[in-house]
Amino acid sequence: MNAIVRPAEAGFEPMTEQWLDAVLAVETQAYEHPWSRGNFQDSLHAGYQAQLLVAGDTLLGYFVAMLGVDEVHLLNITVAPEHQGQGWARCMLEALATWSRGQGAQWLWLEVRVSNARAQRVYEQEGFCSVGRRKAYYPAAGGAREDAIVMSRKL
């Protein structure tokens, strides 16, 4: 059973190198093909918007996004497996949308695995629409590749 965390206990803070062990622990639990420490370090060094959603010392989730011209590209959003299904992804997506508007962005963009129907539903409920497909975008089992659905949301 997933541990329920009351929203009043949760808040955002910037992702820092000090949190990377915890982030990587969640990342490897959540994905068959997780980001590496280097992926996160590169994102931090590039100045990407990288936020943690925490409740005390508990990492509920995180996201990494890149600001472009009039748009923000969501590169990674993850809810810790034991806290999934509680609305935390929606909370992070709304925080990202609010930040993006503040940066003057007009659009949010993301890619999602074609096999990840659960995430697609969350994105659709948050106003994202499918706008295309990237062939062989993600690594898959056995050295294969999986297509990505490209989604966008007007801010």
C-alpha atoms as a PDB file:
ATOM      1  CA  MET A   1       0.000   0.000   0.000  1.00  0.00           C
ATOM      2  CA  ASN A   2       1.311   3.454  -0.897  1.00  0.00           C
ATOM      3  CA  ALA A   3       2.091   5.783   1.990  1.00  0.00           C
ATOM      4  CA  ILE A   4      -0.219   8.784   1.804  1.00  0.00           C
ATOM      5  CA  VAL A   5       1.408  12.154   2.431  1.00  0.00           C
ATOM      6  CA  ARG A   6      -0.805  15.117   3.225  1.00  0.00           C
ATOM      7  CA  PRO A   7      -0.312  17.978   0.735  1.00  0.00           C
ATOM      8  CA  ALA A   8       0.254  20.508   3.550  1.00  0.00           C
ATOM      9  CA  GLU A   9       3.444  18.616   4.398  1.00  0.00           C
ATOM     10  CA  ALA A  10       4.847  18.758   0.871  1.00  0.00           C
ATOM     11  CA  GLY A  11       6.759  21.548  -0.815  1.00  0.00           C
ATOM     12  CA  PHE A  12       9.198  22.329  -3.614  1.00  0.00           C
ATOM     13  CA  GLU A  13      12.891  22.987  -3.370  1.00  0.00           C
ATOM     14  CA  PRO A  14      15.649  23.211  -5.966  1.00  0.00           C
ATOM     15  CA  MET A  15      17.394  19.996  -6.941  1.00  0.00           C
ATOM     16  CA  THR A  16      21.016  20.109  -5.814  1.00  0.00           C
ATOM     17  CA  GLU A  17      23.978  17.742  -6.013  1.00  0.00           C
ATOM     18  CA  GLN A  18      23.338  16.824  -2.352  1.00  0.00           C
ATOM     19  CA  TRP A  19      20.004  15.261  -3.346  1.00  0.00           C
ATOM     20  CA  LEU A  20      21.325  13.231  -6.286  1.00  0.00           C
ATOM     21  CA  ASP A  21      21.724   9.954  -4.343  1.00  0.00           C
ATOM     22  CA  ALA A  22      18.043  10.108  -3.345  1.00  0.00           C
ATOM     23  CA  VAL A  23      17.006  11.198  -6.845  1.00  0.00           C
ATOM     24  CA  LEU A  24      18.942   8.317  -8.414  1.00  0.00           C
ATOM     25  CA  ALA A  25      17.398   5.838  -5.966  1.00  0.00           C
ATOM     26  CA  VAL A  26      13.907   6.942  -7.075  1.00  0.00           C
ATOM     27  CA  GLU A  27      14.926   7.082 -10.746  1.00  0.00           C
ATOM     28  CA  THR A  28      16.219   3.495 -10.735  1.00  0.00           C
ATOM     29  CA  GLN A  29      13.103   2.245  -8.931  1.00  0.00           C
ATOM     30  CA  ALA A  30      10.786   4.044 -11.339  1.00  0.00           C
ATOM     31  CA  TYR A  31      12.355   3.232 -14.719  1.00  0.00           C
ATOM     32  CA  GLU A  32      13.824   0.311 -16.592  1.00  0.00           C
ATOM     33  CA  HIS A  33      16.103   2.790 -18.407  1.00  0.00           C
ATOM     34  CA  PRO A  34      16.811   5.504 -15.808  1.00  0.00           C
ATOM     35  CA  TRP A  35      18.714   8.727 -16.227  1.00  0.00           C
ATOM     36  CA  SER A  36      22.304   8.532 -15.009  1.00  0.00           C
ATOM     37  CA  ARG A  37      23.944  10.709 -12.378  1.00  0.00           C
ATOM     38  CA  GLY A  38      25.684  12.441 -15.289  1.00  0.00           C
ATOM     39  CA  ASN A  39      22.332  13.276 -16.922  1.00  0.00           C
ATOM     40  CA  PHE A  40      21.188  14.999 -13.737  1.00  0.00           C
ATOM     41  CA  GLN A  41      24.543  16.704 -13.159  1.00  0.00           C
ATOM     42  CA  ASP A  42      24.593  17.997 -16.739  1.00  0.00           C
ATOM     43  CA  SER A  43      21.074  19.379 -16.279  1.00  0.00           C
ATOM     44  CA  LEU A  44      22.032  21.137 -13.060  1.00  0.00           C
ATOM     45  CA  HIS A  45      25.205  22.588 -14.581  1.00  0.00           C
ATOM     46  CA  ALA A  46      23.239  23.798 -17.616  1.00  0.00           C
ATOM     47  CA  GLY A  47      20.915  25.717 -15.289  1.00  0.00           C
ATOM     48  CA  TYR A  48      17.779  23.798 -16.197  1.00  0.00           C
ATOM     49  CA  GLN A  49      14.750  24.156 -13.956  1.00  0.00           C
ATOM     50  CA  ALA A  50      15.150  21.163 -11.628  1.00  0.00           C
ATOM     51  CA  GLN A  51      12.783  20.942  -8.679  1.00  0.00           C
ATOM     52  CA  LEU A  52      12.177  18.392  -5.955  1.00  0.00           C
ATOM     53  CA  LEU A  53       8.830  17.756  -4.333  1.00  0.00           C
ATOM     54  CA  VAL A  54       9.587  16.804  -0.744  1.00  0.00           C
ATOM     55  CA  ALA A  55       7.789  16.159   2.518  1.00  0.00           C
ATOM     56  CA  GLY A  56      10.346  16.534   5.279  1.00  0.00           C
ATOM     57  CA  ASP A  57      13.219  14.257   4.276  1.00  0.00           C
ATOM     58  CA  THR A  58      11.014  12.195   1.939  1.00  0.00           C
ATOM     59  CA  LEU A  59      11.485  12.680  -1.792  1.00  0.00           C
ATOM     60  CA  LEU A  60       8.040  12.439  -3.377  1.00  0.00           C
ATOM     61  CA  GLY A  61       9.149  13.344  -6.903  1.00  0.00           C
ATOM     62  CA  TYR A  62      11.042  15.725  -9.129  1.00  0.00           C
ATOM     63  CA  PHE A  63      11.122  17.310 -12.539  1.00  0.00           C
ATOM     64  CA  VAL A  64      13.744  18.729 -14.884  1.00  0.00           C
ATOM     65  CA  ALA A  65      12.801  21.184 -17.618  1.00  0.00           C
ATOM     66  CA  MET A  66      14.670  23.260 -20.181  1.00  0.00           C
ATOM     67  CA  LEU A  67      13.644  26.806 -21.059  1.00  0.00           C
ATOM     68  CA  GLY A  68      13.711  27.677 -24.750  1.00  0.00           C
ATOM     69  CA  VAL A  69      12.362  30.553 -26.808  1.00  0.00           C
ATOM     70  CA  ASP A  70       8.678  30.907 -25.874  1.00  0.00           C
ATOM     71  CA  GLU A  71       8.578  27.298 -24.638  1.00  0.00           C
ATOM     72  CA  VAL A  72       9.635  24.909 -21.905  1.00  0.00           C
ATOM     73  CA  HIS A  73      10.576  21.314 -22.631  1.00  0.00           C
ATOM     74  CA  LEU A  74       9.915  18.846 -19.812  1.00  0.00           C
ATOM     75  CA  LEU A  75      12.836  16.434 -19.833  1.00  0.00           C
ATOM     76  CA  ASN A  76      12.053  14.269 -16.808  1.00  0.00           C
ATOM     77  CA  ILE A  77       9.194  14.071 -14.337  1.00  0.00           C
ATOM     78  CA  THR A  78       9.093  11.273 -11.807  1.00  0.00           C
ATOM     79  CA  VAL A  79       6.999  10.397  -8.785  1.00  0.00           C
ATOM     80  CA  ALA A  80       8.576   7.946  -6.346  1.00  0.00           C
ATOM     81  CA  PRO A  81       6.822   4.592  -6.917  1.00  0.00           C
ATOM     82  CA  GLU A  82       5.553   4.385  -3.333  1.00  0.00           C
ATOM     83  CA  HIS A  83       3.839   7.779  -3.740  1.00  0.00           C
ATOM     84  CA  GLN A  84       2.290   7.290  -7.174  1.00  0.00           C
ATOM     85  CA  GLY A  85      -1.449   7.608  -7.672  1.00  0.00           C
ATOM     86  CA  GLN A  86      -1.796  10.453  -5.153  1.00  0.00           C
ATOM     87  CA  GLY A  87      -1.821  13.426  -7.542  1.00  0.00           C
ATOM     88  CA  TRP A  88       1.823  14.432  -7.152  1.00  0.00           C
ATOM     89  CA  ALA A  89       2.529  14.387 -10.906  1.00  0.00           C
ATOM     90  CA  ARG A  90      -0.342  16.817 -11.447  1.00  0.00           C
ATOM     91  CA  CYS A  91       0.999  19.002  -8.654  1.00  0.00           C
ATOM     92  CA  MET A  92       4.442  19.096 -10.295  1.00  0.00           C
ATOM     93  CA  LEU A  93       2.985  19.758 -13.755  1.00  0.00           C
ATOM     94  CA  GLU A  94       0.999  22.706 -12.441  1.00  0.00           C
ATOM     95  CA  ALA A  95       4.069  24.086 -10.637  1.00  0.00           C
ATOM     96  CA  LEU A  96       6.022  23.754 -13.875  1.00  0.00           C
ATOM     97  CA  ALA A  97       3.253  25.511 -15.837  1.00  0.00           C
ATOM     98  CA  THR A  98       3.216  28.373 -13.326  1.00  0.00           C
ATOM     99  CA  TRP A  99       7.008  28.755 -13.490  1.00  0.00           C
ATOM    100  CA  SER A 100       6.935  28.535 -17.295  1.00  0.00           C
ATOM    101  CA  ARG A 101       4.348  31.311 -17.583  1.00  0.00           C
ATOM    102  CA  GLY A 102       6.563  33.436 -15.348  1.00  0.00           C
ATOM    103  CA  GLN A 103       9.416  32.904 -17.810  1.00  0.00           C
ATOM    104  CA  GLY A 104       7.241  34.104 -20.698  1.00  0.00           C
ATOM    105  CA  ALA A 105       6.785  30.642 -22.188  1.00  0.00           C
ATOM    106  CA  GLN A 106       3.744  30.051 -24.378  1.00  0.00           C
ATOM    107  CA  TRP A 107       4.018  26.254 -24.616  1.00  0.00           C
ATOM    108  CA  LEU A 108       5.050  23.202 -22.620  1.00  0.00           C
ATOM    109  CA  TRP A 109       6.475  20.235 -24.569  1.00  0.00           C
ATOM    110  CA  LEU A 110       7.315  16.679 -23.592  1.00  0.00           C
ATOM    111  CA  GLU A 111       7.873  13.179 -24.916  1.00  0.00           C
ATOM    112  CA  VAL A 112       6.314  10.067 -23.407  1.00  0.00           C
ATOM    113  CA  ARG A 113       6.806   6.398 -24.252  1.00  0.00           C
ATOM    114  CA  VAL A 114       4.049   4.979 -26.460  1.00  0.00           C
ATOM    115  CA  SER A 115       3.724   2.155 -23.910  1.00  0.00           C
ATOM    116  CA  ASN A 116       3.174   4.533 -20.965  1.00  0.00           C
ATOM    117  CA  ALA A 117      -0.607   4.900 -21.163  1.00  0.00           C
ATOM    118  CA  ARG A 118      -0.862   5.948 -17.510  1.00  0.00           C
ATOM    119  CA  ALA A 119       1.405   8.967 -18.019  1.00  0.00           C
ATOM    120  CA  GLN A 120      -0.351   9.845 -21.268  1.00  0.00           C
ATOM    121  CA  ARG A 121      -3.678   9.982 -19.407  1.00  0.00           C
ATOM    122  CA  VAL A 122      -2.199  12.264 -16.736  1.00  0.00           C
ATOM    123  CA  TYR A 123      -0.771  14.598 -19.375  1.00  0.00           C
ATOM    124  CA  GLU A 124      -4.069  14.679 -21.277  1.00  0.00           C
ATOM    125  CA  GLN A 125      -5.949  15.480 -18.057  1.00  0.00           C
ATOM    126  CA  GLU A 126      -3.504  18.355 -17.551  1.00  0.00           C
ATOM    127  CA  GLY A 127      -4.238  19.820 -20.983  1.00  0.00           C
ATOM    128  CA  PHE A 128      -1.513  18.253 -23.126  1.00  0.00           C
ATOM    129  CA  CYS A 129      -2.350  17.098 -26.645  1.00  0.00           C
ATOM    130  CA  SER A 130      -0.512  14.618 -28.844  1.00  0.00           C
ATOM    131  CA  VAL A 131       1.155  16.470 -31.713  1.00  0.00           C
ATOM    132  CA  GLY A 132       3.544  13.910 -33.184  1.00  0.00           C
ATOM    133  CA  ARG A 133       5.728  10.883 -32.789  1.00  0.00           C
ATOM    134  CA  ARG A 134       9.490  10.382 -32.544  1.00  0.00           C
ATOM    135  CA  LYS A 135      10.537   7.023 -33.957  1.00  0.00           C
ATOM    136  CA  ALA A 136      12.911   4.894 -31.852  1.00  0.00           C
ATOM    137  CA  TYR A 137      13.345   7.711 -29.318  1.00  0.00           C
ATOM    138  CA  TYR A 138      13.689   5.688 -26.102  1.00  0.00           C
ATOM    139  CA  PRO A 139      15.884   2.706 -25.282  1.00  0.00           C
ATOM    140  CA  ALA A 140      13.912  -0.492 -24.713  1.00  0.00           C
ATOM    141  CA  ALA A 141      14.577  -4.048 -23.575  1.00  0.00           C
ATOM    142  CA  GLY A 142      17.092  -6.139 -25.464  1.00  0.00           C
ATOM    143  CA  GLY A 143      18.716  -3.217 -27.248  1.00  0.00           C
ATOM    144  CA  ALA A 144      15.475  -2.316 -29.033  1.00  0.00           C
ATOM    145  CA  ARG A 145      14.063   1.208 -29.280  1.00  0.00           C
ATOM    146  CA  GLU A 146      10.597   2.541 -28.465  1.00  0.00           C
ATOM    147  CA  ASP A 147       8.737   5.406 -30.101  1.00  0.00           C
ATOM    148  CA  ALA A 148       7.787   8.543 -28.175  1.00  0.00           C
ATOM    149  CA  ILE A 149       4.584  10.503 -28.422  1.00  0.00           C
ATOM    150  CA  VAL A 150       5.280  14.246 -28.534  1.00  0.00           C
ATOM    151  CA  MET A 151       2.776  16.253 -26.509  1.00  0.00           C
ATOM    152  CA  SER A 152       2.285  19.974 -26.001  1.00  0.00           C
ATOM    153  CA  ARG A 153       0.207  22.258 -23.827  1.00  0.00           C
ATOM    154  CA  LYS A 154      -0.619  25.881 -24.587  1.00  0.00           C
ATOM    155  CA  LEU A 155      -0.030  28.065 -21.556  1.00  0.00           C
END
